[in-house]
Structure formats: C-alpha cells, structure tokens
Amino acid sequence: MKFILIVAAALLVIIIFKACVSTDKLANDKSRPSPDKKPTVEKNNDKLIVINNAEHSQITAALNKFCNMYNKDDYAALPRLYQLSPNSFAITFPFDTDLSTFCFAVNFLKYPIDILPWHADVHAWTTIKKEDDYTADNLVNKSVMIYLDKADKEYDNVFLTTTDGYGYKLPFSKSKPQVLSISIEQFKQPSIKFDELKHLQREDFE
C-alpha cells in the first residue's frame, strides 16, 4: 500500500511538472497568425485593467507572455499599455476582446509566469453584455469590478462585484458565475478614466 502511494505521488509530481513546462513553453512561444488576420478597426468598449505596485519591465514581460499564450491561433487580445506613474499602469483593449479572455488577462496579470518578485495589485472594470460568455441574466448591462481573492487557492477563478454590491465567482472550468453570499471586495471606481488616457503615451502589444 505504501509503495502504491509513493508511485501515485511520483506520478502526480510528473504530471504537474509536465503541465508547468508546457505552460511555460506556450508563454515563451512568439508564433503568431498571419498578419492579415490582425484587426485594424478599433471597437468602442469599456474594458480596463489597472495595475499598481509593479515595474514597467515586469508589466511588459507579463503582457508579452500573455499575448504569446492567447494569440497563437488568432489575435484574441491586443492590449494597450499606459503608464500612469512609475509603479502604476492602465491596460485597455482597443480592438475589444471577449469577456472570458479579458478575465484570463486579469488572472494572468495577477499570477504571471516566471516574473519575480511580483506583488502587483490588479483590478479591472467592464460592463457585462448579453452576448458575453461567463455571464448570467442578472449581470447583463451591469458594470462590474473584476479582481482576485487573496484567500483563493484555486488560482483559476476571478471574482467580481457589481455596482449595486452583489458578488460573484467566475470559475474558468464552468460557464456560469457562482453567486456569493457576501462580496469579497466592495465595488470601487477605477483611478483613471478613459478620456484621461488619451493624453498619455501608449504601447501596443500583439
């Protein structure tokens, strides 16, 4: 019995190691689709991520890794970076992206691969649309704040709070959000408005 447990534990370590190696390989693979698949017309949207307590080199490395992972088959997300202060940044998606990819971006920027030390605060905002995935009828047309729960140890979720104070957990393994009895964080407005970003220098990632 003890031998079986040792073998099982060893197999689990191997599986986890292979998964980590595979993910790391994806994050560093710079291959992209044909340039003619890249969108050229910007789409009006309100998707915004604000990151505090990070360095410019860290943010750019994280965004490059994110794009490496999610832009292999098509240009799923083309983030635009603005520096608000030496350690504060805003990210928008001028060509828009679907809600699930946006949530993946929030999660990835909270837990980027091989970027240490990393103690960034990551919050995001958007308005849920009827056609969005990862949504429910009572979330449609609501503005939400998206973030990660410090106490969550699953690492494959995001959490959101609506402007009227309702909380939800969005597991990537399920198509519908889970209603929380109490919001993990209270809704707060972003520290920067879209109009204020127009006057700042920007960097585009693909």
N, C-alpha and C. Protein backbone atom coordinates (compact mmCIF):
# COMPACT_ATOMS: atom_id res chain seq x y z
N MET A 1 0.83 -1.21 0.00
CA MET A 1 0.00 0.00 0.00
C MET A 1 0.87 1.27 0.00
N LYS A 2 1.93 1.21 0.84
CA LYS A 2 2.84 2.35 0.92
C LYS A 2 3.52 2.58 -0.42
N PHE A 3 3.90 1.47 -1.09
CA PHE A 3 4.55 1.58 -2.40
C PHE A 3 3.62 2.23 -3.42
N ILE A 4 2.34 1.85 -3.39
CA ILE A 4 1.35 2.41 -4.32
C ILE A 4 1.22 3.91 -4.11
N LEU A 5 1.19 4.33 -2.84
CA LEU A 5 1.07 5.76 -2.53
C LEU A 5 2.29 6.52 -3.03
N ILE A 6 3.47 5.93 -2.88
CA ILE A 6 4.69 6.59 -3.35
C ILE A 6 4.66 6.74 -4.86
N VAL A 7 4.24 5.67 -5.56
CA VAL A 7 4.15 5.72 -7.02
C VAL A 7 3.13 6.77 -7.46
N ALA A 8 1.99 6.80 -6.78
CA ALA A 8 0.94 7.77 -7.12
C ALA A 8 1.44 9.20 -6.93
N ALA A 9 2.16 9.42 -5.82
CA ALA A 9 2.70 10.75 -5.56
C ALA A 9 3.72 11.14 -6.61
N ALA A 10 4.55 10.18 -7.02
CA ALA A 10 5.55 10.45 -8.05
C ALA A 10 4.90 10.80 -9.38
N LEU A 11 3.84 10.05 -9.73
CA LEU A 11 3.13 10.33 -10.97
C LEU A 11 2.50 11.72 -10.95
N LEU A 12 1.96 12.11 -9.79
CA LEU A 12 1.34 13.42 -9.66
C LEU A 12 2.38 14.52 -9.86
N VAL A 13 3.56 14.34 -9.28
CA VAL A 13 4.64 15.32 -9.45
C VAL A 13 5.03 15.44 -10.92
N ILE A 14 5.11 14.30 -11.61
CA ILE A 14 5.47 14.30 -13.03
C ILE A 14 4.42 15.03 -13.86
N ILE A 15 3.15 14.77 -13.57
CA ILE A 15 2.06 15.43 -14.30
C ILE A 15 2.11 16.93 -14.10
N ILE A 16 2.28 17.36 -12.84
CA ILE A 16 2.34 18.79 -12.54
C ILE A 16 3.54 19.42 -13.23
N PHE A 17 4.69 18.72 -13.19
CA PHE A 17 5.90 19.24 -13.83
C PHE A 17 5.70 19.42 -15.33
N LYS A 18 5.09 18.41 -15.97
CA LYS A 18 4.86 18.48 -17.42
C LYS A 18 3.91 19.62 -17.76
N ALA A 19 2.89 19.81 -16.91
CA ALA A 19 1.93 20.89 -17.15
C ALA A 19 2.62 22.24 -17.04
N CYS A 20 3.49 22.38 -16.04
CA CYS A 20 4.22 23.64 -15.85
C CYS A 20 5.15 23.91 -17.01
N VAL A 21 5.86 22.87 -17.47
CA VAL A 21 6.77 23.02 -18.60
C VAL A 21 6.00 23.40 -19.86
N SER A 22 4.85 22.75 -20.07
CA SER A 22 4.03 23.05 -21.25
C SER A 22 3.53 24.49 -21.21
N THR A 23 3.05 24.94 -20.06
CA THR A 23 2.56 26.31 -19.92
C THR A 23 3.67 27.31 -20.13
N ASP A 24 4.84 27.02 -19.56
CA ASP A 24 5.99 27.91 -19.71
C ASP A 24 6.41 28.00 -21.17
N LYS A 25 6.35 26.86 -21.88
CA LYS A 25 6.71 26.85 -23.30
C LYS A 25 5.76 27.71 -24.11
N LEU A 26 4.47 27.61 -23.82
CA LEU A 26 3.47 28.43 -24.51
C LEU A 26 3.71 29.91 -24.26
N ALA A 27 4.04 30.25 -23.02
CA ALA A 27 4.22 31.65 -22.64
C ALA A 27 5.43 32.27 -23.30
N ASN A 28 6.36 31.45 -23.77
CA ASN A 28 7.57 31.98 -24.40
C ASN A 28 7.62 31.75 -25.90
N ASP A 29 6.57 31.15 -26.45
CA ASP A 29 6.48 30.90 -27.88
C ASP A 29 5.90 32.14 -28.57
N LYS A 30 6.67 32.80 -29.42
CA LYS A 30 6.25 34.07 -30.02
C LYS A 30 5.54 33.90 -31.35
N SER A 31 5.17 32.69 -31.72
CA SER A 31 4.50 32.48 -33.01
C SER A 31 3.14 33.18 -33.03
N ARG A 32 2.77 33.69 -34.20
CA ARG A 32 1.52 34.43 -34.38
C ARG A 32 0.83 34.00 -35.67
N PRO A 33 -0.47 34.28 -35.76
CA PRO A 33 -1.17 34.01 -37.03
C PRO A 33 -0.67 34.95 -38.13
N SER A 34 -1.17 34.74 -39.32
CA SER A 34 -0.82 35.61 -40.44
C SER A 34 -1.21 37.06 -40.12
N PRO A 35 -0.36 38.03 -40.48
CA PRO A 35 -0.66 39.44 -40.17
C PRO A 35 -2.00 39.92 -40.72
N ASP A 36 -2.48 39.30 -41.80
CA ASP A 36 -3.75 39.76 -42.37
C ASP A 36 -4.95 39.39 -41.49
N LYS A 37 -4.73 38.56 -40.47
CA LYS A 37 -5.79 38.23 -39.53
C LYS A 37 -5.90 39.23 -38.38
N LYS A 38 -4.92 40.12 -38.32
CA LYS A 38 -4.90 41.09 -37.23
C LYS A 38 -5.95 42.18 -37.48
N PRO A 39 -6.81 42.48 -36.50
CA PRO A 39 -7.83 43.52 -36.69
C PRO A 39 -7.20 44.89 -36.88
N THR A 40 -7.86 45.71 -37.65
CA THR A 40 -7.34 47.05 -37.93
C THR A 40 -8.29 48.17 -37.50
N VAL A 41 -9.54 47.81 -37.23
CA VAL A 41 -10.54 48.82 -36.85
C VAL A 41 -10.82 48.69 -35.36
N GLU A 42 -10.58 49.76 -34.62
CA GLU A 42 -10.81 49.73 -33.19
C GLU A 42 -12.31 49.68 -32.88
N LYS A 43 -12.64 48.99 -31.76
CA LYS A 43 -14.03 48.84 -31.35
C LYS A 43 -14.24 49.52 -30.00
N ASN A 44 -15.26 50.31 -29.91
CA ASN A 44 -15.55 51.01 -28.67
C ASN A 44 -15.93 50.01 -27.57
N ASN A 45 -15.27 50.07 -26.43
CA ASN A 45 -15.59 49.21 -25.30
C ASN A 45 -15.03 49.84 -24.03
N ASP A 46 -15.43 49.32 -22.89
CA ASP A 46 -15.00 49.92 -21.62
C ASP A 46 -14.14 48.98 -20.78
N LYS A 47 -13.49 48.02 -21.41
CA LYS A 47 -12.63 47.08 -20.67
C LYS A 47 -11.35 47.79 -20.23
N LEU A 48 -11.09 47.73 -18.94
CA LEU A 48 -9.96 48.46 -18.35
C LEU A 48 -9.35 47.64 -17.22
N ILE A 49 -8.02 47.54 -17.21
CA ILE A 49 -7.29 46.92 -16.11
C ILE A 49 -6.34 47.95 -15.54
N VAL A 50 -6.31 48.06 -14.22
CA VAL A 50 -5.37 48.97 -13.54
C VAL A 50 -4.47 48.13 -12.65
N ILE A 51 -3.17 48.33 -12.81
CA ILE A 51 -2.17 47.58 -12.04
C ILE A 51 -1.32 48.55 -11.24
N ASN A 52 -1.21 48.32 -9.95
CA ASN A 52 -0.37 49.12 -9.08
C ASN A 52 0.72 48.26 -8.46
N ASN A 53 1.79 48.91 -8.05
CA ASN A 53 2.90 48.24 -7.37
C ASN A 53 3.62 47.26 -8.28
N ALA A 54 3.96 47.73 -9.48
CA ALA A 54 4.71 46.92 -10.43
C ALA A 54 5.66 47.82 -11.22
N GLU A 55 6.65 47.22 -11.83
CA GLU A 55 7.60 47.96 -12.64
C GLU A 55 7.28 47.80 -14.12
N HIS A 56 7.69 48.79 -14.91
CA HIS A 56 7.40 48.77 -16.34
C HIS A 56 7.94 47.51 -17.01
N SER A 57 9.15 47.12 -16.68
CA SER A 57 9.74 45.93 -17.30
C SER A 57 8.94 44.67 -16.96
N GLN A 58 8.39 44.62 -15.76
CA GLN A 58 7.57 43.48 -15.35
C GLN A 58 6.26 43.43 -16.13
N ILE A 59 5.62 44.59 -16.26
CA ILE A 59 4.34 44.66 -16.97
C ILE A 59 4.52 44.26 -18.43
N THR A 60 5.53 44.79 -19.07
CA THR A 60 5.74 44.47 -20.49
C THR A 60 6.06 42.98 -20.67
N ALA A 61 6.84 42.44 -19.75
CA ALA A 61 7.15 41.00 -19.83
C ALA A 61 5.88 40.17 -19.65
N ALA A 62 5.03 40.55 -18.70
CA ALA A 62 3.79 39.83 -18.45
C ALA A 62 2.85 39.91 -19.65
N LEU A 63 2.73 41.09 -20.26
CA LEU A 63 1.84 41.25 -21.41
C LEU A 63 2.37 40.47 -22.62
N ASN A 64 3.67 40.44 -22.81
CA ASN A 64 4.23 39.65 -23.91
C ASN A 64 3.94 38.17 -23.72
N LYS A 65 4.07 37.68 -22.49
CA LYS A 65 3.79 36.27 -22.20
C LYS A 65 2.30 35.98 -22.40
N PHE A 66 1.44 36.89 -21.96
CA PHE A 66 0.01 36.71 -22.14
C PHE A 66 -0.34 36.62 -23.63
N CYS A 67 0.21 37.53 -24.43
CA CYS A 67 -0.06 37.51 -25.87
C CYS A 67 0.50 36.24 -26.51
N ASN A 68 1.67 35.80 -26.05
CA ASN A 68 2.23 34.55 -26.57
C ASN A 68 1.28 33.38 -26.36
N MET A 69 0.58 33.39 -25.23
CA MET A 69 -0.31 32.27 -24.91
C MET A 69 -1.64 32.35 -25.65
N TYR A 70 -2.17 33.56 -25.82
CA TYR A 70 -3.55 33.68 -26.30
C TYR A 70 -3.67 34.15 -27.75
N ASN A 71 -2.57 34.50 -28.39
CA ASN A 71 -2.66 34.98 -29.78
C ASN A 71 -2.00 34.04 -30.77
N LYS A 72 -1.99 32.77 -30.49
CA LYS A 72 -1.35 31.81 -31.38
C LYS A 72 -2.22 31.47 -32.60
N ASP A 73 -3.50 31.24 -32.36
CA ASP A 73 -4.42 30.84 -33.44
C ASP A 73 -5.09 32.04 -34.09
N ASP A 74 -5.40 33.03 -33.29
CA ASP A 74 -5.94 34.28 -33.80
C ASP A 74 -5.55 35.39 -32.82
N TYR A 75 -5.82 36.62 -33.20
CA TYR A 75 -5.46 37.75 -32.33
C TYR A 75 -6.61 37.98 -31.35
N ALA A 76 -6.64 37.15 -30.31
CA ALA A 76 -7.75 37.17 -29.35
C ALA A 76 -7.74 38.43 -28.49
N ALA A 77 -6.55 38.96 -28.23
CA ALA A 77 -6.46 40.14 -27.38
C ALA A 77 -5.24 40.97 -27.78
N LEU A 78 -5.45 42.26 -27.97
CA LEU A 78 -4.37 43.17 -28.34
C LEU A 78 -4.34 44.30 -27.31
N PRO A 79 -3.69 44.04 -26.17
CA PRO A 79 -3.70 45.03 -25.09
C PRO A 79 -2.89 46.28 -25.42
N ARG A 80 -3.33 47.39 -24.84
CA ARG A 80 -2.63 48.67 -24.98
C ARG A 80 -2.26 49.15 -23.58
N LEU A 81 -1.01 49.48 -23.38
CA LEU A 81 -0.49 49.82 -22.05
C LEU A 81 -0.24 51.31 -21.92
N TYR A 82 -0.66 51.87 -20.79
CA TYR A 82 -0.39 53.26 -20.43
C TYR A 82 0.30 53.28 -19.07
N GLN A 83 1.31 54.12 -18.92
CA GLN A 83 1.96 54.26 -17.62
C GLN A 83 1.39 55.49 -16.92
N LEU A 84 0.78 55.26 -15.75
CA LEU A 84 0.13 56.34 -15.00
C LEU A 84 1.10 57.01 -14.04
N SER A 85 2.04 56.24 -13.52
CA SER A 85 3.07 56.72 -12.59
C SER A 85 4.21 55.70 -12.66
N PRO A 86 5.31 55.92 -11.95
CA PRO A 86 6.41 54.94 -12.02
C PRO A 86 6.00 53.50 -11.72
N ASN A 87 4.98 53.32 -10.88
CA ASN A 87 4.59 51.96 -10.49
C ASN A 87 3.10 51.68 -10.69
N SER A 88 2.47 52.45 -11.56
CA SER A 88 1.03 52.29 -11.79
C SER A 88 0.75 52.33 -13.29
N PHE A 89 -0.11 51.41 -13.75
CA PHE A 89 -0.35 51.24 -15.19
C PHE A 89 -1.83 50.98 -15.47
N ALA A 90 -2.24 51.35 -16.68
CA ALA A 90 -3.59 51.03 -17.15
C ALA A 90 -3.46 50.24 -18.45
N ILE A 91 -4.36 49.29 -18.63
CA ILE A 91 -4.38 48.47 -19.84
C ILE A 91 -5.78 48.51 -20.43
N THR A 92 -5.88 48.78 -21.71
CA THR A 92 -7.16 48.74 -22.41
C THR A 92 -7.06 47.75 -23.56
N PHE A 93 -8.19 47.51 -24.21
CA PHE A 93 -8.23 46.59 -25.35
C PHE A 93 -8.94 47.31 -26.49
N PRO A 94 -8.20 48.12 -27.26
CA PRO A 94 -8.82 48.98 -28.27
C PRO A 94 -9.58 48.24 -29.36
N PHE A 95 -9.24 46.97 -29.60
CA PHE A 95 -9.96 46.17 -30.59
C PHE A 95 -10.95 45.23 -29.92
N ASP A 96 -11.16 45.45 -28.63
CA ASP A 96 -12.06 44.66 -27.79
C ASP A 96 -11.54 43.22 -27.66
N THR A 97 -12.11 42.47 -26.77
CA THR A 97 -11.84 41.06 -26.59
C THR A 97 -13.04 40.48 -25.87
N ASP A 98 -13.25 39.18 -25.95
CA ASP A 98 -14.42 38.61 -25.29
C ASP A 98 -14.20 38.59 -23.77
N LEU A 99 -15.28 38.42 -23.05
CA LEU A 99 -15.23 38.51 -21.59
C LEU A 99 -14.32 37.45 -20.99
N SER A 100 -14.36 36.24 -21.52
CA SER A 100 -13.53 35.18 -20.95
C SER A 100 -12.05 35.50 -21.11
N THR A 101 -11.63 35.97 -22.28
CA THR A 101 -10.23 36.33 -22.49
C THR A 101 -9.83 37.50 -21.60
N PHE A 102 -10.73 38.44 -21.42
CA PHE A 102 -10.49 39.57 -20.52
C PHE A 102 -10.26 39.08 -19.09
N CYS A 103 -11.09 38.14 -18.64
CA CYS A 103 -10.93 37.57 -17.30
C CYS A 103 -9.63 36.77 -17.19
N PHE A 104 -9.27 36.05 -18.26
CA PHE A 104 -7.99 35.34 -18.28
C PHE A 104 -6.84 36.33 -18.13
N ALA A 105 -6.96 37.49 -18.78
CA ALA A 105 -5.91 38.51 -18.69
C ALA A 105 -5.76 39.01 -17.26
N VAL A 106 -6.88 39.25 -16.59
CA VAL A 106 -6.84 39.71 -15.20
C VAL A 106 -6.15 38.66 -14.33
N ASN A 107 -6.53 37.40 -14.52
CA ASN A 107 -5.94 36.32 -13.74
C ASN A 107 -4.45 36.18 -14.04
N PHE A 108 -4.08 36.24 -15.32
CA PHE A 108 -2.69 36.07 -15.71
C PHE A 108 -1.83 37.20 -15.16
N LEU A 109 -2.35 38.42 -15.18
CA LEU A 109 -1.58 39.56 -14.69
C LEU A 109 -1.45 39.56 -13.17
N LYS A 110 -2.32 38.83 -12.50
CA LYS A 110 -2.17 38.65 -11.06
C LYS A 110 -1.16 37.55 -10.76
N TYR A 111 -1.14 36.52 -11.61
CA TYR A 111 -0.23 35.39 -11.43
C TYR A 111 0.60 35.16 -12.69
N PRO A 112 1.44 36.12 -13.10
CA PRO A 112 2.21 35.94 -14.33
C PRO A 112 3.27 34.85 -14.18
N ILE A 113 3.66 34.27 -15.29
CA ILE A 113 4.61 33.16 -15.28
C ILE A 113 6.05 33.68 -15.24
N ASP A 114 6.81 33.20 -14.27
CA ASP A 114 8.26 33.46 -14.20
C ASP A 114 8.61 34.95 -14.12
N ILE A 115 7.79 35.73 -13.43
CA ILE A 115 8.12 37.13 -13.20
C ILE A 115 8.17 37.36 -11.70
N LEU A 116 9.37 37.46 -11.18
CA LEU A 116 9.57 37.57 -9.74
C LEU A 116 10.58 38.69 -9.44
N PRO A 117 10.40 39.40 -8.32
CA PRO A 117 9.25 39.33 -7.42
C PRO A 117 8.03 40.01 -8.04
N TRP A 118 6.85 39.60 -7.65
CA TRP A 118 5.61 40.16 -8.20
C TRP A 118 4.60 40.33 -7.07
N HIS A 119 4.30 41.58 -6.74
CA HIS A 119 3.36 41.87 -5.66
C HIS A 119 2.30 42.87 -6.13
N ALA A 120 1.97 42.78 -7.40
CA ALA A 120 1.09 43.78 -8.00
C ALA A 120 -0.36 43.64 -7.53
N ASP A 121 -1.01 44.77 -7.45
CA ASP A 121 -2.45 44.84 -7.20
C ASP A 121 -3.14 44.98 -8.55
N VAL A 122 -4.07 44.08 -8.85
CA VAL A 122 -4.71 44.05 -10.17
C VAL A 122 -6.23 44.13 -10.01
N HIS A 123 -6.84 45.15 -10.60
CA HIS A 123 -8.30 45.28 -10.64
C HIS A 123 -8.72 45.67 -12.05
N ALA A 124 -9.91 45.25 -12.42
CA ALA A 124 -10.40 45.52 -13.78
C ALA A 124 -11.87 45.91 -13.73
N TRP A 125 -12.30 46.55 -14.82
CA TRP A 125 -13.68 47.01 -14.90
C TRP A 125 -14.22 46.80 -16.32
N THR A 126 -15.49 46.49 -16.41
CA THR A 126 -16.17 46.40 -17.70
C THR A 126 -17.67 46.36 -17.46
N THR A 127 -18.42 46.46 -18.54
CA THR A 127 -19.87 46.29 -18.49
C THR A 127 -20.23 44.97 -19.15
N ILE A 128 -20.98 44.14 -18.46
CA ILE A 128 -21.36 42.83 -18.98
C ILE A 128 -22.42 42.99 -20.07
N LYS A 129 -22.22 42.31 -21.19
CA LYS A 129 -23.16 42.36 -22.30
C LYS A 129 -23.93 41.05 -22.41
N LYS A 130 -25.06 41.10 -23.06
CA LYS A 130 -25.90 39.92 -23.21
C LYS A 130 -25.19 38.82 -23.96
N GLU A 131 -24.37 39.19 -24.94
CA GLU A 131 -23.70 38.18 -25.77
C GLU A 131 -22.42 37.63 -25.13
N ASP A 132 -22.05 38.17 -23.98
CA ASP A 132 -20.83 37.70 -23.32
C ASP A 132 -20.97 36.27 -22.81
N ASP A 133 -19.86 35.54 -22.87
CA ASP A 133 -19.82 34.26 -22.19
C ASP A 133 -19.52 34.52 -20.70
N TYR A 134 -19.52 33.49 -19.90
CA TYR A 134 -19.27 33.64 -18.45
C TYR A 134 -20.21 34.66 -17.82
N THR A 135 -21.48 34.65 -18.21
CA THR A 135 -22.38 35.63 -17.63
C THR A 135 -23.71 34.99 -17.27
N ALA A 136 -24.58 35.78 -16.68
CA ALA A 136 -25.93 35.34 -16.29
C ALA A 136 -26.89 36.49 -16.54
N ASP A 137 -28.17 36.19 -16.63
CA ASP A 137 -29.17 37.21 -16.97
C ASP A 137 -29.14 38.40 -16.01
N ASN A 138 -28.91 38.12 -14.71
CA ASN A 138 -28.94 39.22 -13.75
C ASN A 138 -27.66 40.05 -13.75
N LEU A 139 -26.72 39.72 -14.64
CA LEU A 139 -25.49 40.52 -14.77
C LEU A 139 -25.49 41.38 -16.04
N VAL A 140 -26.39 41.11 -16.94
CA VAL A 140 -26.40 41.82 -18.23
C VAL A 140 -26.61 43.32 -18.02
N ASN A 141 -25.77 44.10 -18.70
CA ASN A 141 -25.79 45.57 -18.66
C ASN A 141 -25.34 46.15 -17.32
N LYS A 142 -24.73 45.34 -16.48
CA LYS A 142 -24.21 45.83 -15.21
C LYS A 142 -22.71 46.10 -15.31
N SER A 143 -22.29 47.20 -14.70
CA SER A 143 -20.86 47.48 -14.60
C SER A 143 -20.30 46.67 -13.44
N VAL A 144 -19.14 46.08 -13.65
CA VAL A 144 -18.56 45.21 -12.63
C VAL A 144 -17.08 45.53 -12.44
N MET A 145 -16.60 45.23 -11.25
CA MET A 145 -15.17 45.28 -10.95
C MET A 145 -14.70 43.84 -10.81
N ILE A 146 -13.61 43.51 -11.50
CA ILE A 146 -13.08 42.14 -11.51
C ILE A 146 -11.74 42.12 -10.80
N TYR A 147 -11.51 41.08 -10.00
CA TYR A 147 -10.30 41.02 -9.19
C TYR A 147 -10.06 39.58 -8.75
N LEU A 148 -8.98 39.37 -8.01
CA LEU A 148 -8.66 38.06 -7.45
C LEU A 148 -8.78 38.12 -5.94
N ASP A 149 -9.25 37.03 -5.35
CA ASP A 149 -9.37 36.93 -3.90
C ASP A 149 -8.05 36.43 -3.32
N LYS A 150 -7.48 37.17 -2.38
CA LYS A 150 -6.20 36.79 -1.78
C LYS A 150 -6.28 35.43 -1.10
N ALA A 151 -7.47 35.08 -0.61
CA ALA A 151 -7.62 33.81 0.11
C ALA A 151 -7.89 32.63 -0.81
N ASP A 152 -8.14 32.90 -2.08
CA ASP A 152 -8.44 31.82 -3.02
C ASP A 152 -7.17 31.07 -3.40
N LYS A 153 -7.19 29.76 -3.27
CA LYS A 153 -6.02 28.94 -3.56
C LYS A 153 -6.21 28.08 -4.82
N GLU A 154 -7.29 28.30 -5.55
CA GLU A 154 -7.52 27.53 -6.77
C GLU A 154 -6.78 28.14 -7.96
N TYR A 155 -6.65 29.46 -7.96
CA TYR A 155 -5.87 30.20 -8.96
C TYR A 155 -6.44 30.15 -10.37
N ASP A 156 -7.62 29.55 -10.58
CA ASP A 156 -8.22 29.53 -11.91
C ASP A 156 -9.62 30.14 -11.86
N ASN A 157 -9.74 31.19 -11.08
CA ASN A 157 -11.01 31.93 -10.96
C ASN A 157 -10.71 33.42 -11.04
N VAL A 158 -11.77 34.17 -11.28
CA VAL A 158 -11.75 35.60 -10.96
C VAL A 158 -13.04 35.88 -10.18
N PHE A 159 -13.06 37.00 -9.49
CA PHE A 159 -14.22 37.39 -8.71
C PHE A 159 -14.68 38.75 -9.22
N LEU A 160 -15.96 39.01 -9.08
CA LEU A 160 -16.45 40.31 -9.49
C LEU A 160 -17.50 40.84 -8.53
N THR A 161 -17.57 42.15 -8.47
CA THR A 161 -18.59 42.84 -7.68
C THR A 161 -19.29 43.83 -8.58
N THR A 162 -20.62 43.86 -8.53
CA THR A 162 -21.39 44.79 -9.34
C THR A 162 -21.50 46.14 -8.63
N THR A 163 -21.93 47.15 -9.37
CA THR A 163 -22.06 48.48 -8.78
C THR A 163 -23.08 48.48 -7.64
N ASP A 164 -24.05 47.56 -7.68
CA ASP A 164 -25.03 47.51 -6.60
C ASP A 164 -24.65 46.51 -5.51
N GLY A 165 -23.38 46.07 -5.50
CA GLY A 165 -22.85 45.35 -4.35
C GLY A 165 -22.96 43.84 -4.35
N TYR A 166 -23.41 43.24 -5.46
CA TYR A 166 -23.52 41.78 -5.49
C TYR A 166 -22.19 41.17 -5.94
N GLY A 167 -21.84 40.04 -5.32
CA GLY A 167 -20.58 39.39 -5.62
C GLY A 167 -20.74 38.07 -6.34
N TYR A 168 -19.79 37.77 -7.21
CA TYR A 168 -19.82 36.53 -8.00
C TYR A 168 -18.41 35.96 -8.11
N LYS A 169 -18.37 34.65 -8.25
CA LYS A 169 -17.12 33.95 -8.55
C LYS A 169 -17.26 33.37 -9.95
N LEU A 170 -16.26 33.60 -10.80
CA LEU A 170 -16.29 33.08 -12.16
C LEU A 170 -15.20 32.03 -12.31
N PRO A 171 -15.54 30.74 -12.14
CA PRO A 171 -14.55 29.68 -12.36
C PRO A 171 -14.35 29.45 -13.85
N PHE A 172 -13.10 29.34 -14.28
CA PHE A 172 -12.84 29.12 -15.70
C PHE A 172 -13.32 27.74 -16.16
N SER A 173 -13.53 26.84 -15.21
CA SER A 173 -13.96 25.49 -15.56
C SER A 173 -15.47 25.39 -15.76
N LYS A 174 -16.19 26.47 -15.48
CA LYS A 174 -17.65 26.44 -15.63
C LYS A 174 -18.10 27.63 -16.46
N SER A 175 -19.27 27.48 -17.08
CA SER A 175 -19.75 28.52 -17.99
C SER A 175 -20.59 29.58 -17.30
N LYS A 176 -20.98 29.35 -16.05
CA LYS A 176 -21.83 30.29 -15.35
C LYS A 176 -21.18 30.77 -14.06
N PRO A 177 -21.36 32.03 -13.72
CA PRO A 177 -20.81 32.53 -12.46
C PRO A 177 -21.57 31.99 -11.26
N GLN A 178 -20.89 31.92 -10.14
CA GLN A 178 -21.49 31.47 -8.89
C GLN A 178 -21.78 32.69 -8.01
N VAL A 179 -23.00 32.77 -7.51
CA VAL A 179 -23.38 33.89 -6.66
C VAL A 179 -22.74 33.72 -5.28
N LEU A 180 -22.16 34.79 -4.76
CA LEU A 180 -21.57 34.77 -3.43
C LEU A 180 -22.54 35.37 -2.42
N SER A 181 -22.56 34.84 -1.22
CA SER A 181 -23.43 35.39 -0.19
C SER A 181 -22.97 36.78 0.24
N ILE A 182 -21.66 37.00 0.19
CA ILE A 182 -21.08 38.31 0.53
C ILE A 182 -19.98 38.62 -0.49
N SER A 183 -19.95 39.83 -0.98
CA SER A 183 -18.91 40.23 -1.93
C SER A 183 -17.54 40.19 -1.25
N ILE A 184 -16.55 39.68 -1.96
CA ILE A 184 -15.20 39.64 -1.42
C ILE A 184 -14.65 41.05 -1.26
N GLU A 185 -14.89 41.90 -2.25
CA GLU A 185 -14.49 43.30 -2.19
C GLU A 185 -15.67 44.18 -2.58
N GLN A 186 -15.71 45.37 -2.02
CA GLN A 186 -16.74 46.34 -2.38
C GLN A 186 -16.36 47.00 -3.71
N PHE A 187 -17.37 47.32 -4.50
CA PHE A 187 -17.13 47.98 -5.79
C PHE A 187 -16.49 49.35 -5.56
N LYS A 188 -15.47 49.65 -6.35
CA LYS A 188 -14.87 50.98 -6.35
C LYS A 188 -14.61 51.40 -7.78
N GLN A 189 -14.67 52.68 -8.03
CA GLN A 189 -14.44 53.19 -9.38
C GLN A 189 -12.95 53.15 -9.70
N PRO A 190 -12.60 52.96 -10.97
CA PRO A 190 -11.17 52.97 -11.34
C PRO A 190 -10.53 54.32 -11.07
N SER A 191 -9.24 54.31 -10.87
CA SER A 191 -8.50 55.53 -10.54
C SER A 191 -8.24 56.41 -11.76
N ILE A 192 -8.56 55.92 -12.94
CA ILE A 192 -8.34 56.66 -14.17
C ILE A 192 -9.55 56.50 -15.08
N LYS A 193 -9.87 57.54 -15.83
CA LYS A 193 -10.96 57.49 -16.79
C LYS A 193 -10.41 57.38 -18.20
N PHE A 194 -11.22 56.80 -19.09
CA PHE A 194 -10.77 56.58 -20.47
C PHE A 194 -10.34 57.89 -21.12
N ASP A 195 -11.08 58.96 -20.90
CA ASP A 195 -10.75 60.24 -21.52
C ASP A 195 -9.37 60.74 -21.09
N GLU A 196 -8.98 60.41 -19.89
CA GLU A 196 -7.68 60.85 -19.37
C GLU A 196 -6.53 60.08 -20.00
N LEU A 197 -6.81 58.91 -20.54
CA LEU A 197 -5.76 58.09 -21.15
C LEU A 197 -5.32 58.64 -22.51
N LYS A 198 -6.19 59.38 -23.15
CA LYS A 198 -5.91 59.87 -24.50
C LYS A 198 -4.65 60.71 -24.57
N HIS A 199 -4.29 61.35 -23.46
CA HIS A 199 -3.16 62.27 -23.45
C HIS A 199 -1.86 61.60 -23.01
N LEU A 200 -1.91 60.30 -22.76
CA LEU A 200 -0.75 59.59 -22.28
C LEU A 200 -0.09 58.78 -23.40
N GLN A 201 1.22 58.57 -23.27
CA GLN A 201 1.90 57.70 -24.22
C GLN A 201 1.40 56.28 -24.06
N ARG A 202 1.45 55.52 -25.13
CA ARG A 202 0.91 54.18 -25.09
C ARG A 202 1.85 53.19 -25.79
N GLU A 203 1.70 51.92 -25.41
CA GLU A 203 2.42 50.83 -26.05
C GLU A 203 1.42 49.75 -26.41
N ASP A 204 1.48 49.29 -27.66
CA ASP A 204 0.56 48.23 -28.10
C ASP A 204 1.29 46.89 -28.14
N PHE A 205 0.56 45.85 -27.74
CA PHE A 205 1.11 44.50 -27.69
C PHE A 205 0.26 43.58 -28.57
N GLU A 206 0.95 42.60 -29.17
CA GLU A 206 0.24 41.61 -30.00
C GLU A 206 0.84 40.22 -29.83
